[in-house]
Protein backbone atom coordinates (compact mmCIF):
# COMPACT_ATOMS: atom_id res chain seq x y z
CA UNK A 1 0.00 0.00 0.00
CA UNK A 2 1.43 3.37 -0.99
CA UNK A 3 0.73 5.81 1.81
CA UNK A 4 2.15 8.76 -0.09
CA UNK A 5 0.26 7.88 -3.28
CA UNK A 6 -3.06 7.69 -1.44
CA UNK A 7 -2.72 11.19 0.05
CA UNK A 8 -4.95 13.82 -1.50
CA UNK A 9 -3.34 16.93 -3.01
CA UNK A 10 -5.10 20.20 -2.24
CA UNK A 11 -5.17 22.69 -5.12
CA UNK A 12 -4.44 26.28 -3.94
CA UNK A 13 -6.20 29.39 -5.28
CA UNK A 14 -5.05 30.49 -8.72
CA UNK A 15 -3.69 27.09 -9.83
CA UNK A 16 -5.29 25.34 -12.80
CA UNK A 17 -4.69 21.77 -13.94
CA UNK A 18 -5.25 20.27 -17.38
CA UNK A 19 -4.95 16.51 -17.98
CA UNK A 20 -5.14 15.40 -21.64
CA UNK A 21 -3.58 12.38 -23.40
CA UNK A 22 -1.38 11.45 -20.42
CA UNK A 23 0.10 14.96 -20.05
CA UNK A 24 -0.68 16.92 -16.89
CA UNK A 25 -0.15 20.68 -17.21
CA UNK A 26 -0.12 22.89 -14.12
CA UNK A 27 -0.48 26.68 -14.44
CA UNK A 28 -0.12 29.19 -11.64
CA UNK A 29 0.92 32.75 -10.90
CA UNK A 30 4.64 31.87 -11.14
CA UNK A 31 4.59 29.84 -14.34
CA UNK A 32 3.68 26.57 -16.00
CA UNK A 33 4.96 23.00 -15.60
CA UNK A 34 3.99 19.75 -17.31
CA UNK A 35 4.50 16.05 -16.61
CA UNK A 36 3.85 12.82 -18.53
CA UNK A 37 1.76 10.47 -16.39
CA UNK A 38 2.13 6.68 -16.59
CA UNK A 39 -0.91 4.94 -18.09
CA UNK A 40 -1.22 2.70 -14.99
CA UNK A 41 -2.02 5.72 -12.79
CA UNK A 42 -5.51 7.26 -12.83
CA UNK A 43 -5.96 10.92 -11.89
CA UNK A 44 -9.25 12.31 -10.56
CA UNK A 45 -9.23 16.12 -10.56
CA UNK A 46 -12.09 17.76 -8.67
CA UNK A 47 -12.48 21.47 -7.94
CA UNK A 48 -10.09 21.74 -4.99
CA UNK A 49 -8.22 18.41 -4.85
CA UNK A 50 -6.43 15.71 -6.83
CA UNK A 51 -6.67 12.00 -6.02
CA UNK A 52 -4.46 9.34 -7.62
CA UNK A 53 -5.33 5.65 -7.95
CA UNK A 54 -3.45 2.76 -9.55
CA UNK A 55 -4.72 0.00 -11.83
CA UNK A 56 -2.93 -2.92 -10.15
CA UNK A 57 -0.90 -3.78 -7.05
CA UNK A 58 2.41 -4.81 -8.60
CA UNK A 59 5.49 -3.40 -6.86
CA UNK A 60 6.53 -1.33 -9.87
CA UNK A 61 3.12 0.34 -10.17
CA UNK A 62 2.98 0.92 -6.40
CA UNK A 63 6.27 2.80 -6.56
CA UNK A 64 5.11 4.80 -9.59
CA UNK A 65 1.95 5.71 -7.64
CA UNK A 66 3.90 7.36 -4.81
CA UNK A 67 6.42 8.97 -7.16
CA UNK A 68 3.73 10.45 -9.41
CA UNK A 69 1.86 11.89 -6.42
CA UNK A 70 5.06 13.51 -5.09
CA UNK A 71 5.93 14.99 -8.51
CA UNK A 72 2.42 16.44 -8.94
CA UNK A 73 2.52 17.90 -5.41
CA UNK A 74 5.89 19.56 -6.21
CA UNK A 75 4.46 20.97 -9.45
CA UNK A 76 1.43 22.45 -7.68
CA UNK A 77 3.59 23.92 -4.91
CA UNK A 78 6.14 25.25 -7.42
CA UNK A 79 3.68 27.18 -9.60
CA UNK A 80 1.92 28.66 -6.55
CA UNK A 81 4.78 29.38 -4.10
CA UNK A 82 8.10 28.42 -5.74
CA UNK A 83 11.18 26.87 -4.15
CA UNK A 84 14.38 28.45 -2.80
CA UNK A 85 17.80 27.04 -1.93
CA UNK A 86 20.62 29.01 -0.32
CA UNK A 87 24.31 28.09 -0.40
CA UNK A 88 27.06 29.72 1.64
CA UNK A 89 30.79 29.85 0.91
CA UNK A 90 32.86 29.16 4.04
CA UNK A 91 36.55 29.95 3.76
CA UNK A 92 39.02 32.83 3.76
CA UNK A 93 38.93 34.65 0.42
CA UNK A 94 35.95 32.72 -0.94
CA UNK A 95 33.78 35.03 -3.06
CA UNK A 96 30.72 34.81 -5.27
CA UNK A 97 29.25 37.24 -7.79
CA UNK A 98 26.86 37.04 -10.68
CA UNK A 99 26.20 38.87 -13.91
CA UNK A 100 22.79 37.79 -15.12
CA UNK A 101 22.77 34.01 -15.20
CA UNK A 102 26.58 33.63 -14.98
CA UNK A 103 27.83 32.71 -11.51
CA UNK A 104 31.48 33.56 -10.83
CA UNK A 105 32.89 31.93 -7.69
CA UNK A 106 36.37 32.01 -6.21
CA UNK A 107 36.90 29.05 -3.87
CA UNK A 108 40.66 28.67 -3.54
CA UNK A 109 41.59 27.34 -6.97
CA UNK A 110 44.06 29.10 -9.29
CA UNK A 111 41.17 30.32 -11.49
CA UNK A 112 37.63 31.41 -10.76
CA UNK A 113 34.83 29.00 -11.63
CA UNK A 114 32.26 30.45 -14.04
CA UNK A 115 28.99 28.49 -14.10
CA UNK A 116 25.99 29.26 -16.32
CA UNK A 117 22.73 28.76 -14.43
CA UNK A 118 19.67 27.69 -16.51
CA UNK A 119 17.17 30.44 -17.36
CA UNK A 120 14.35 28.92 -15.30
CA UNK A 121 16.41 29.31 -12.10
CA UNK A 122 16.79 32.84 -10.69
CA UNK A 123 20.23 33.58 -9.27
CA UNK A 124 21.24 36.22 -6.71
CA UNK A 125 24.41 36.62 -4.64
CA UNK A 126 24.88 38.54 -1.40
CA UNK A 127 28.17 39.57 0.15
CA UNK A 128 28.21 41.25 3.56
CA UNK A 129 31.38 42.27 5.32
CA UNK A 130 32.24 39.82 8.09
CA UNK A 131 29.81 37.17 6.85
CA UNK A 132 30.08 34.32 4.37
CA UNK A 133 28.90 35.06 0.79
CA UNK A 134 25.46 33.58 0.08
CA UNK A 135 24.16 32.28 -3.26
CA UNK A 136 20.34 32.21 -3.50
CA UNK A 137 18.64 30.06 -6.15
CA UNK A 138 14.87 30.30 -6.80
CA UNK A 139 12.74 28.27 -9.22
CA UNK A 140 9.33 26.69 -9.75
CA UNK A 141 10.92 23.35 -10.73
CA UNK A 142 12.12 21.60 -7.55
CA UNK A 143 14.06 18.90 -9.40
CA UNK A 144 16.04 21.35 -11.54
CA UNK A 145 16.68 23.62 -8.53
CA UNK A 146 18.13 20.75 -6.50
CA UNK A 147 20.28 19.64 -9.43
CA UNK A 148 21.75 23.13 -9.95
CA UNK A 149 22.38 23.60 -6.21
CA UNK A 150 24.11 20.21 -5.97
CA UNK A 151 26.27 21.04 -9.01
CA UNK A 152 27.40 24.34 -7.46
CA UNK A 153 28.10 22.59 -4.14
CA UNK A 154 30.19 19.94 -5.95
CA UNK A 155 32.75 22.57 -7.04
CA UNK A 156 34.13 22.62 -3.47
CA UNK A 157 32.38 20.27 -1.05
CA UNK A 158 32.81 21.08 2.66
CA UNK A 159 35.86 19.29 3.97
CA UNK A 160 35.70 17.64 7.42
CA UNK A 161 38.86 19.11 9.01
CA UNK A 162 38.34 22.87 8.80
CA UNK A 163 34.80 22.93 7.39
CA UNK A 164 35.79 25.05 4.38
CA UNK A 165 33.79 24.78 1.16
CA UNK A 166 30.35 25.41 -0.32
CA UNK A 167 27.46 24.20 1.83
CA UNK A 168 23.71 24.67 2.12
CA UNK A 169 22.66 27.28 4.67
CA UNK A 170 22.00 25.41 7.90
CA UNK A 171 23.89 22.28 6.81
CA UNK A 172 25.89 20.68 9.61
CA UNK A 173 29.39 19.51 8.68
CA UNK A 174 30.77 16.91 11.05
CA UNK A 175 34.34 17.82 11.97
CA UNK A 176 37.16 15.30 12.33
CA UNK A 177 40.20 15.61 14.57
CA UNK A 178 43.38 16.26 12.65
CA UNK A 179 46.77 14.64 13.17
CA UNK A 180 48.49 15.49 16.44
CA UNK A 181 52.23 16.09 16.59
CA UNK A 182 54.31 13.29 18.15
CA UNK A 183 56.02 14.34 21.36
C-alpha atoms as a PDB file:
ATOM      1  CA  UNK A   1       0.000   0.000   0.000  1.00  0.00           C
ATOM      2  CA  UNK A   2       1.426   3.368  -0.989  1.00  0.00           C
ATOM      3  CA  UNK A   3       0.732   5.808   1.806  1.00  0.00           C
ATOM      4  CA  UNK A   4       2.146   8.756  -0.088  1.00  0.00           C
ATOM      5  CA  UNK A   5       0.262   7.885  -3.282  1.00  0.00           C
ATOM      6  CA  UNK A   6      -3.060   7.691  -1.443  1.00  0.00           C
ATOM      7  CA  UNK A   7      -2.718  11.189   0.047  1.00  0.00           C
ATOM      8  CA  UNK A   8      -4.954  13.821  -1.502  1.00  0.00           C
ATOM      9  CA  UNK A   9      -3.341  16.926  -3.012  1.00  0.00           C
ATOM     10  CA  UNK A  10      -5.103  20.201  -2.240  1.00  0.00           C
ATOM     11  CA  UNK A  11      -5.168  22.693  -5.124  1.00  0.00           C
ATOM     12  CA  UNK A  12      -4.441  26.279  -3.938  1.00  0.00           C
ATOM     13  CA  UNK A  13      -6.204  29.391  -5.275  1.00  0.00           C
ATOM     14  CA  UNK A  14      -5.045  30.487  -8.720  1.00  0.00           C
ATOM     15  CA  UNK A  15      -3.693  27.091  -9.827  1.00  0.00           C
ATOM     16  CA  UNK A  16      -5.294  25.344 -12.803  1.00  0.00           C
ATOM     17  CA  UNK A  17      -4.686  21.767 -13.938  1.00  0.00           C
ATOM     18  CA  UNK A  18      -5.253  20.268 -17.382  1.00  0.00           C
ATOM     19  CA  UNK A  19      -4.954  16.506 -17.985  1.00  0.00           C
ATOM     20  CA  UNK A  20      -5.136  15.399 -21.638  1.00  0.00           C
ATOM     21  CA  UNK A  21      -3.576  12.382 -23.397  1.00  0.00           C
ATOM     22  CA  UNK A  22      -1.381  11.450 -20.425  1.00  0.00           C
ATOM     23  CA  UNK A  23       0.096  14.956 -20.055  1.00  0.00           C
ATOM     24  CA  UNK A  24      -0.677  16.921 -16.885  1.00  0.00           C
ATOM     25  CA  UNK A  25      -0.149  20.681 -17.209  1.00  0.00           C
ATOM     26  CA  UNK A  26      -0.121  22.889 -14.123  1.00  0.00           C
ATOM     27  CA  UNK A  27      -0.477  26.682 -14.440  1.00  0.00           C
ATOM     28  CA  UNK A  28      -0.124  29.194 -11.644  1.00  0.00           C
ATOM     29  CA  UNK A  29       0.923  32.754 -10.897  1.00  0.00           C
ATOM     30  CA  UNK A  30       4.641  31.875 -11.136  1.00  0.00           C
ATOM     31  CA  UNK A  31       4.590  29.840 -14.339  1.00  0.00           C
ATOM     32  CA  UNK A  32       3.676  26.575 -16.004  1.00  0.00           C
ATOM     33  CA  UNK A  33       4.962  23.000 -15.597  1.00  0.00           C
ATOM     34  CA  UNK A  34       3.987  19.749 -17.314  1.00  0.00           C
ATOM     35  CA  UNK A  35       4.501  16.053 -16.607  1.00  0.00           C
ATOM     36  CA  UNK A  36       3.854  12.822 -18.532  1.00  0.00           C
ATOM     37  CA  UNK A  37       1.755  10.471 -16.390  1.00  0.00           C
ATOM     38  CA  UNK A  38       2.131   6.677 -16.587  1.00  0.00           C
ATOM     39  CA  UNK A  39      -0.913   4.936 -18.091  1.00  0.00           C
ATOM     40  CA  UNK A  40      -1.224   2.704 -14.991  1.00  0.00           C
ATOM     41  CA  UNK A  41      -2.020   5.721 -12.789  1.00  0.00           C
ATOM     42  CA  UNK A  42      -5.508   7.261 -12.828  1.00  0.00           C
ATOM     43  CA  UNK A  43      -5.956  10.917 -11.893  1.00  0.00           C
ATOM     44  CA  UNK A  44      -9.253  12.314 -10.564  1.00  0.00           C
ATOM     45  CA  UNK A  45      -9.234  16.117 -10.562  1.00  0.00           C
ATOM     46  CA  UNK A  46     -12.087  17.761  -8.672  1.00  0.00           C
ATOM     47  CA  UNK A  47     -12.483  21.466  -7.938  1.00  0.00           C
ATOM     48  CA  UNK A  48     -10.091  21.735  -4.990  1.00  0.00           C
ATOM     49  CA  UNK A  49      -8.216  18.409  -4.851  1.00  0.00           C
ATOM     50  CA  UNK A  50      -6.428  15.713  -6.828  1.00  0.00           C
ATOM     51  CA  UNK A  51      -6.672  12.005  -6.023  1.00  0.00           C
ATOM     52  CA  UNK A  52      -4.463   9.336  -7.620  1.00  0.00           C
ATOM     53  CA  UNK A  53      -5.328   5.651  -7.953  1.00  0.00           C
ATOM     54  CA  UNK A  54      -3.453   2.760  -9.548  1.00  0.00           C
ATOM     55  CA  UNK A  55      -4.724   0.003 -11.828  1.00  0.00           C
ATOM     56  CA  UNK A  56      -2.929  -2.921 -10.149  1.00  0.00           C
ATOM     57  CA  UNK A  57      -0.903  -3.778  -7.053  1.00  0.00           C
ATOM     58  CA  UNK A  58       2.409  -4.807  -8.604  1.00  0.00           C
ATOM     59  CA  UNK A  59       5.487  -3.403  -6.857  1.00  0.00           C
ATOM     60  CA  UNK A  60       6.528  -1.327  -9.873  1.00  0.00           C
ATOM     61  CA  UNK A  61       3.122   0.342 -10.174  1.00  0.00           C
ATOM     62  CA  UNK A  62       2.977   0.916  -6.403  1.00  0.00           C
ATOM     63  CA  UNK A  63       6.273   2.797  -6.556  1.00  0.00           C
ATOM     64  CA  UNK A  64       5.108   4.805  -9.591  1.00  0.00           C
ATOM     65  CA  UNK A  65       1.950   5.710  -7.640  1.00  0.00           C
ATOM     66  CA  UNK A  66       3.900   7.362  -4.814  1.00  0.00           C
ATOM     67  CA  UNK A  67       6.419   8.972  -7.159  1.00  0.00           C
ATOM     68  CA  UNK A  68       3.733  10.451  -9.405  1.00  0.00           C
ATOM     69  CA  UNK A  69       1.861  11.892  -6.422  1.00  0.00           C
ATOM     70  CA  UNK A  70       5.061  13.508  -5.085  1.00  0.00           C
ATOM     71  CA  UNK A  71       5.934  14.988  -8.509  1.00  0.00           C
ATOM     72  CA  UNK A  72       2.421  16.435  -8.935  1.00  0.00           C
ATOM     73  CA  UNK A  73       2.525  17.903  -5.412  1.00  0.00           C
ATOM     74  CA  UNK A  74       5.893  19.556  -6.208  1.00  0.00           C
ATOM     75  CA  UNK A  75       4.464  20.965  -9.455  1.00  0.00           C
ATOM     76  CA  UNK A  76       1.430  22.447  -7.684  1.00  0.00           C
ATOM     77  CA  UNK A  77       3.588  23.920  -4.910  1.00  0.00           C
ATOM     78  CA  UNK A  78       6.139  25.249  -7.421  1.00  0.00           C
ATOM     79  CA  UNK A  79       3.682  27.185  -9.600  1.00  0.00           C
ATOM     80  CA  UNK A  80       1.920  28.658  -6.554  1.00  0.00           C
ATOM     81  CA  UNK A  81       4.785  29.382  -4.104  1.00  0.00           C
ATOM     82  CA  UNK A  82       8.096  28.419  -5.739  1.00  0.00           C
ATOM     83  CA  UNK A  83      11.183  26.871  -4.152  1.00  0.00           C
ATOM     84  CA  UNK A  84      14.382  28.454  -2.796  1.00  0.00           C
ATOM     85  CA  UNK A  85      17.802  27.040  -1.929  1.00  0.00           C
ATOM     86  CA  UNK A  86      20.621  29.009  -0.316  1.00  0.00           C
ATOM     87  CA  UNK A  87      24.307  28.091  -0.405  1.00  0.00           C
ATOM     88  CA  UNK A  88      27.063  29.715   1.642  1.00  0.00           C
ATOM     89  CA  UNK A  89      30.790  29.848   0.905  1.00  0.00           C
ATOM     90  CA  UNK A  90      32.856  29.160   4.042  1.00  0.00           C
ATOM     91  CA  UNK A  91      36.554  29.953   3.763  1.00  0.00           C
ATOM     92  CA  UNK A  92      39.020  32.826   3.755  1.00  0.00           C
ATOM     93  CA  UNK A  93      38.934  34.647   0.418  1.00  0.00           C
ATOM     94  CA  UNK A  94      35.951  32.725  -0.938  1.00  0.00           C
ATOM     95  CA  UNK A  95      33.784  35.026  -3.061  1.00  0.00           C
ATOM     96  CA  UNK A  96      30.718  34.812  -5.269  1.00  0.00           C
ATOM     97  CA  UNK A  97      29.253  37.243  -7.787  1.00  0.00           C
ATOM     98  CA  UNK A  98      26.859  37.038 -10.680  1.00  0.00           C
ATOM     99  CA  UNK A  99      26.203  38.872 -13.914  1.00  0.00           C
ATOM    100  CA  UNK A 100      22.786  37.793 -15.117  1.00  0.00           C
ATOM    101  CA  UNK A 101      22.771  34.005 -15.197  1.00  0.00           C
ATOM    102  CA  UNK A 102      26.577  33.632 -14.977  1.00  0.00           C
ATOM    103  CA  UNK A 103      27.829  32.706 -11.515  1.00  0.00           C
ATOM    104  CA  UNK A 104      31.477  33.565 -10.831  1.00  0.00           C
ATOM    105  CA  UNK A 105      32.888  31.933  -7.693  1.00  0.00           C
ATOM    106  CA  UNK A 106      36.373  32.006  -6.208  1.00  0.00           C
ATOM    107  CA  UNK A 107      36.904  29.049  -3.866  1.00  0.00           C
ATOM    108  CA  UNK A 108      40.658  28.673  -3.538  1.00  0.00           C
ATOM    109  CA  UNK A 109      41.591  27.335  -6.974  1.00  0.00           C
ATOM    110  CA  UNK A 110      44.064  29.096  -9.288  1.00  0.00           C
ATOM    111  CA  UNK A 111      41.167  30.317 -11.487  1.00  0.00           C
ATOM    112  CA  UNK A 112      37.631  31.409 -10.760  1.00  0.00           C
ATOM    113  CA  UNK A 113      34.827  29.000 -11.630  1.00  0.00           C
ATOM    114  CA  UNK A 114      32.256  30.452 -14.037  1.00  0.00           C
ATOM    115  CA  UNK A 115      28.994  28.495 -14.103  1.00  0.00           C
ATOM    116  CA  UNK A 116      25.994  29.258 -16.316  1.00  0.00           C
ATOM    117  CA  UNK A 117      22.726  28.759 -14.431  1.00  0.00           C
ATOM    118  CA  UNK A 118      19.667  27.688 -16.514  1.00  0.00           C
ATOM    119  CA  UNK A 119      17.170  30.445 -17.360  1.00  0.00           C
ATOM    120  CA  UNK A 120      14.346  28.920 -15.302  1.00  0.00           C
ATOM    121  CA  UNK A 121      16.411  29.310 -12.100  1.00  0.00           C
ATOM    122  CA  UNK A 122      16.786  32.841 -10.690  1.00  0.00           C
ATOM    123  CA  UNK A 123      20.226  33.576  -9.270  1.00  0.00           C
ATOM    124  CA  UNK A 124      21.242  36.217  -6.709  1.00  0.00           C
ATOM    125  CA  UNK A 125      24.407  36.618  -4.644  1.00  0.00           C
ATOM    126  CA  UNK A 126      24.883  38.543  -1.404  1.00  0.00           C
ATOM    127  CA  UNK A 127      28.170  39.573   0.148  1.00  0.00           C
ATOM    128  CA  UNK A 128      28.214  41.247   3.562  1.00  0.00           C
ATOM    129  CA  UNK A 129      31.383  42.272   5.323  1.00  0.00           C
ATOM    130  CA  UNK A 130      32.240  39.824   8.089  1.00  0.00           C
ATOM    131  CA  UNK A 131      29.808  37.170   6.846  1.00  0.00           C
ATOM    132  CA  UNK A 132      30.077  34.318   4.372  1.00  0.00           C
ATOM    133  CA  UNK A 133      28.897  35.060   0.794  1.00  0.00           C
ATOM    134  CA  UNK A 134      25.455  33.584   0.082  1.00  0.00           C
ATOM    135  CA  UNK A 135      24.160  32.279  -3.261  1.00  0.00           C
ATOM    136  CA  UNK A 136      20.339  32.211  -3.505  1.00  0.00           C
ATOM    137  CA  UNK A 137      18.640  30.055  -6.148  1.00  0.00           C
ATOM    138  CA  UNK A 138      14.874  30.300  -6.802  1.00  0.00           C
ATOM    139  CA  UNK A 139      12.742  28.270  -9.225  1.00  0.00           C
ATOM    140  CA  UNK A 140       9.332  26.689  -9.754  1.00  0.00           C
ATOM    141  CA  UNK A 141      10.917  23.347 -10.729  1.00  0.00           C
ATOM    142  CA  UNK A 142      12.125  21.598  -7.551  1.00  0.00           C
ATOM    143  CA  UNK A 143      14.059  18.896  -9.399  1.00  0.00           C
ATOM    144  CA  UNK A 144      16.041  21.353 -11.535  1.00  0.00           C
ATOM    145  CA  UNK A 145      16.678  23.618  -8.534  1.00  0.00           C
ATOM    146  CA  UNK A 146      18.132  20.750  -6.496  1.00  0.00           C
ATOM    147  CA  UNK A 147      20.280  19.636  -9.427  1.00  0.00           C
ATOM    148  CA  UNK A 148      21.752  23.131  -9.953  1.00  0.00           C
ATOM    149  CA  UNK A 149      22.376  23.603  -6.215  1.00  0.00           C
ATOM    150  CA  UNK A 150      24.109  20.208  -5.973  1.00  0.00           C
ATOM    151  CA  UNK A 151      26.267  21.036  -9.013  1.00  0.00           C
ATOM    152  CA  UNK A 152      27.401  24.344  -7.457  1.00  0.00           C
ATOM    153  CA  UNK A 153      28.100  22.586  -4.138  1.00  0.00           C
ATOM    154  CA  UNK A 154      30.191  19.941  -5.946  1.00  0.00           C
ATOM    155  CA  UNK A 155      32.747  22.565  -7.043  1.00  0.00           C
ATOM    156  CA  UNK A 156      34.132  22.620  -3.475  1.00  0.00           C
ATOM    157  CA  UNK A 157      32.375  20.274  -1.049  1.00  0.00           C
ATOM    158  CA  UNK A 158      32.809  21.082   2.656  1.00  0.00           C
ATOM    159  CA  UNK A 159      35.861  19.289   3.972  1.00  0.00           C
ATOM    160  CA  UNK A 160      35.704  17.641   7.415  1.00  0.00           C
ATOM    161  CA  UNK A 161      38.861  19.106   9.011  1.00  0.00           C
ATOM    162  CA  UNK A 162      38.338  22.866   8.800  1.00  0.00           C
ATOM    163  CA  UNK A 163      34.802  22.930   7.389  1.00  0.00           C
ATOM    164  CA  UNK A 164      35.786  25.053   4.377  1.00  0.00           C
ATOM    165  CA  UNK A 165      33.787  24.778   1.157  1.00  0.00           C
ATOM    166  CA  UNK A 166      30.347  25.410  -0.315  1.00  0.00           C
ATOM    167  CA  UNK A 167      27.463  24.199   1.831  1.00  0.00           C
ATOM    168  CA  UNK A 168      23.714  24.672   2.118  1.00  0.00           C
ATOM    169  CA  UNK A 169      22.664  27.282   4.672  1.00  0.00           C
ATOM    170  CA  UNK A 170      22.005  25.414   7.904  1.00  0.00           C
ATOM    171  CA  UNK A 171      23.892  22.277   6.814  1.00  0.00           C
ATOM    172  CA  UNK A 172      25.891  20.675   9.612  1.00  0.00           C
ATOM    173  CA  UNK A 173      29.388  19.508   8.683  1.00  0.00           C
ATOM    174  CA  UNK A 174      30.765  16.909  11.046  1.00  0.00           C
ATOM    175  CA  UNK A 175      34.342  17.815  11.966  1.00  0.00           C
ATOM    176  CA  UNK A 176      37.155  15.298  12.325  1.00  0.00           C
ATOM    177  CA  UNK A 177      40.197  15.612  14.573  1.00  0.00           C
ATOM    178  CA  UNK A 178      43.381  16.258  12.649  1.00  0.00           C
ATOM    179  CA  UNK A 179      46.773  14.642  13.174  1.00  0.00           C
ATOM    180  CA  UNK A 180      48.490  15.493  16.440  1.00  0.00           C
ATOM    181  CA  UNK A 181      52.228  16.085  16.590  1.00  0.00           C
ATOM    182  CA  UNK A 182      54.305  13.293  18.145  1.00  0.00           C
ATOM    183  CA  UNK A 183      56.018  14.336  21.364  1.00  0.00           C
END
